[in-house]
Amino acid sequence: MTPAVALLKRNKQPFQLHSYTHDPAATSYGLEAADKLGLDAQRVFKTLVVQADTGELLVAMVPVCNTLSLKKLAAAAGVKKVVMAQPAMVERATGYVLGGVSPLGQKKRLRAFVDQSADAFPSLYVSAGRRGLEIELAPALLKQLLGAGFVPLTASE
């Protein structure tokens, strides 16, 4: 059981787990999840960790088929600039390996922002904390658990 699943169970929150066999040769973990689970890629959200010019680490969640707009995230976070965090820093702060970073149950709670498109779905999918395992939950529950804002974050919006 991953820390993300443990958090949901401990708080008695409704969710479903979906697993698939991860292909180590996959170039996009999120797109692989959408494909293997037969899901619309707009409903599968990737968890990205960025570092603000202040040094703060932030979590951004966007559909796996979209690109994060660093400019939009910086504006939402109220900082001048953000860059993708170094992999070692991401793993240290979250307790998860890249490709399996869940927004839930991270070692250190980071400020989180979710692309506003999440609100369009009755449920969405996020990493459960390891490659090949996804959590399906309501967008409102994700927002509540993360204390996240739903804002425009993708480069296409």
Protein backbone atom coordinates (compact mmCIF):
# COMPACT_ATOMS: atom_id res chain seq x y z
CA MET A 1 0.00 0.00 0.00
CA THR A 2 1.39 3.38 -0.98
CA PRO A 3 1.20 6.50 1.25
CA ALA A 4 -1.44 7.92 -1.14
CA VAL A 5 -3.71 4.90 -0.72
CA ALA A 6 -3.08 4.85 3.04
CA LEU A 7 -4.10 8.52 3.28
CA LEU A 8 -7.40 7.89 1.49
CA LYS A 9 -8.18 4.80 3.57
CA ARG A 10 -7.24 6.50 6.85
CA ASN A 11 -9.58 9.40 6.02
CA LYS A 12 -12.32 6.98 4.84
CA GLN A 13 -12.55 8.71 1.47
CA PRO A 14 -14.20 7.15 -1.61
CA PHE A 15 -11.79 6.11 -4.35
CA GLN A 16 -11.02 3.26 -6.73
CA LEU A 17 -7.64 1.75 -7.53
CA HIS A 18 -6.78 0.78 -11.10
CA SER A 19 -3.65 -1.16 -11.96
CA TYR A 20 -1.90 -2.07 -15.18
CA THR A 21 1.41 -3.64 -16.13
CA HIS A 22 3.93 -0.84 -16.52
CA ASP A 23 6.25 -1.07 -19.53
CA PRO A 24 9.75 0.14 -18.52
CA ALA A 25 10.26 1.31 -22.13
CA ALA A 26 7.28 3.71 -21.94
CA THR A 27 8.31 7.30 -22.63
CA SER A 28 5.27 8.93 -20.99
CA TYR A 29 4.01 7.32 -17.81
CA GLY A 30 0.74 9.27 -17.87
CA LEU A 31 -0.10 8.52 -21.49
CA GLU A 32 0.77 4.89 -20.84
CA ALA A 33 -1.72 4.83 -17.95
CA ALA A 34 -4.47 6.38 -20.09
CA ASP A 35 -3.81 3.94 -22.92
CA LYS A 36 -3.56 0.78 -20.82
CA LEU A 37 -6.63 1.65 -18.75
CA GLY A 38 -8.62 2.72 -21.83
CA LEU A 39 -9.20 6.24 -20.52
CA ASP A 40 -9.61 9.67 -22.08
CA ALA A 41 -6.18 11.28 -21.54
CA GLN A 42 -7.94 14.50 -20.44
CA ARG A 43 -9.08 12.66 -17.27
CA VAL A 44 -5.63 11.34 -16.32
CA PHE A 45 -3.58 13.98 -14.48
CA LYS A 46 0.18 14.04 -14.14
CA THR A 47 1.80 15.36 -10.99
CA LEU A 48 4.65 17.78 -11.68
CA VAL A 49 6.89 19.40 -9.08
CA VAL A 50 8.39 22.80 -9.79
CA GLN A 51 10.65 25.13 -7.89
CA ALA A 52 9.74 28.79 -7.52
CA ASP A 53 12.32 31.57 -7.62
CA THR A 54 11.72 31.81 -3.84
CA GLY A 55 13.00 28.22 -3.44
CA GLU A 56 9.55 26.87 -2.61
CA LEU A 57 8.52 23.59 -4.23
CA LEU A 58 5.03 23.50 -5.75
CA VAL A 59 2.84 20.75 -7.19
CA ALA A 60 1.06 21.27 -10.50
CA MET A 61 -1.42 18.82 -11.97
CA VAL A 62 -2.42 18.87 -15.63
CA PRO A 63 -3.92 16.30 -18.00
CA VAL A 64 -1.25 13.93 -19.32
CA CYS A 65 -1.96 15.03 -22.90
CA ASN A 66 -1.26 18.70 -22.10
CA THR A 67 1.81 20.75 -21.30
CA LEU A 68 2.16 22.76 -18.10
CA SER A 69 2.47 26.52 -18.61
CA LEU A 70 5.18 27.58 -16.17
CA LYS A 71 4.10 31.20 -16.65
CA LYS A 72 0.49 30.43 -15.64
CA LEU A 73 1.63 28.41 -12.63
CA ALA A 74 3.93 31.22 -11.46
CA ALA A 75 1.05 33.69 -11.72
CA ALA A 76 -1.30 31.37 -9.79
CA ALA A 77 1.33 30.85 -7.08
CA GLY A 78 2.11 34.55 -6.83
CA VAL A 79 5.79 34.19 -7.71
CA LYS A 80 7.88 35.66 -10.53
CA LYS A 81 9.21 32.44 -12.03
CA VAL A 82 9.10 28.65 -11.69
CA VAL A 83 11.25 25.92 -13.22
CA MET A 84 10.91 22.16 -13.18
CA ALA A 85 12.46 20.82 -9.97
CA GLN A 86 15.49 18.55 -10.13
CA PRO A 87 14.54 14.83 -10.01
CA ALA A 88 16.49 14.15 -6.80
CA MET A 89 14.75 17.10 -5.13
CA VAL A 90 11.33 15.82 -6.26
CA GLU A 91 11.99 12.34 -4.89
CA ARG A 92 13.35 13.70 -1.59
CA ALA A 93 10.40 16.05 -1.01
CA THR A 94 7.62 13.69 -2.11
CA GLY A 95 8.97 10.27 -1.15
CA TYR A 96 7.98 8.97 -4.59
CA VAL A 97 10.02 8.02 -7.66
CA LEU A 98 9.54 9.89 -10.93
CA GLY A 99 6.76 8.41 -12.99
CA GLY A 100 4.98 7.44 -9.78
CA VAL A 101 4.68 10.76 -7.97
CA SER A 102 1.27 10.99 -6.38
CA PRO A 103 -0.16 14.34 -5.31
CA LEU A 104 -1.42 12.55 -2.18
CA GLY A 105 0.57 11.27 0.78
CA GLN A 106 3.77 13.15 -0.02
CA LYS A 107 6.46 13.30 2.68
CA LYS A 108 6.28 17.07 2.70
CA ARG A 109 2.98 18.81 1.95
CA LEU A 110 3.56 21.21 -0.93
CA ARG A 111 1.23 23.94 -2.19
CA ALA A 112 -0.75 22.42 -5.01
CA PHE A 113 -2.51 23.71 -8.12
CA VAL A 114 -4.79 21.65 -10.39
CA ASP A 115 -5.72 22.59 -13.93
CA GLN A 116 -9.29 23.89 -14.03
CA SER A 117 -10.25 21.25 -16.62
CA ALA A 118 -10.48 18.76 -13.72
CA ASP A 119 -13.83 20.27 -12.77
CA ALA A 120 -15.38 19.03 -16.04
CA PHE A 121 -15.28 15.37 -15.00
CA PRO A 122 -17.18 13.33 -12.41
CA SER A 123 -13.88 11.61 -11.54
CA LEU A 124 -10.26 11.85 -12.54
CA TYR A 125 -7.19 9.69 -12.28
CA VAL A 126 -3.92 10.46 -10.50
CA SER A 127 -0.89 8.37 -9.68
CA ALA A 128 -1.34 6.18 -6.63
CA GLY A 129 2.36 6.44 -5.83
CA ARG A 130 3.94 3.87 -8.10
CA ARG A 131 4.16 3.18 -11.78
CA GLY A 132 1.26 1.01 -12.92
CA LEU A 133 -1.19 2.13 -10.24
CA GLU A 134 -3.78 4.92 -10.55
CA ILE A 135 -6.33 6.32 -8.10
CA GLU A 136 -9.74 7.37 -9.41
CA LEU A 137 -11.45 10.02 -7.27
CA ALA A 138 -13.76 13.01 -7.49
CA PRO A 139 -12.11 16.33 -8.42
CA ALA A 140 -13.71 18.02 -5.38
CA LEU A 141 -12.13 15.41 -3.10
CA LEU A 142 -8.71 15.94 -4.66
CA LYS A 143 -9.11 19.69 -4.22
CA GLN A 144 -10.09 19.24 -0.58
CA LEU A 145 -7.29 16.81 0.30
CA LEU A 146 -4.63 18.98 -1.33
CA GLY A 147 -6.05 22.35 -0.33
CA ALA A 148 -5.53 23.08 -4.00
CA GLY A 149 -6.78 25.80 -6.26
CA PHE A 150 -8.30 24.91 -9.65
CA VAL A 151 -6.75 27.35 -12.11
CA PRO A 152 -5.78 27.48 -15.80
CA LEU A 153 -2.41 25.74 -16.04
CA THR A 154 -2.03 24.29 -19.50
CA ALA A 155 -0.15 25.86 -22.36
CA SER A 156 -3.19 25.38 -24.63
CA GLU A 157 -5.62 27.47 -22.54
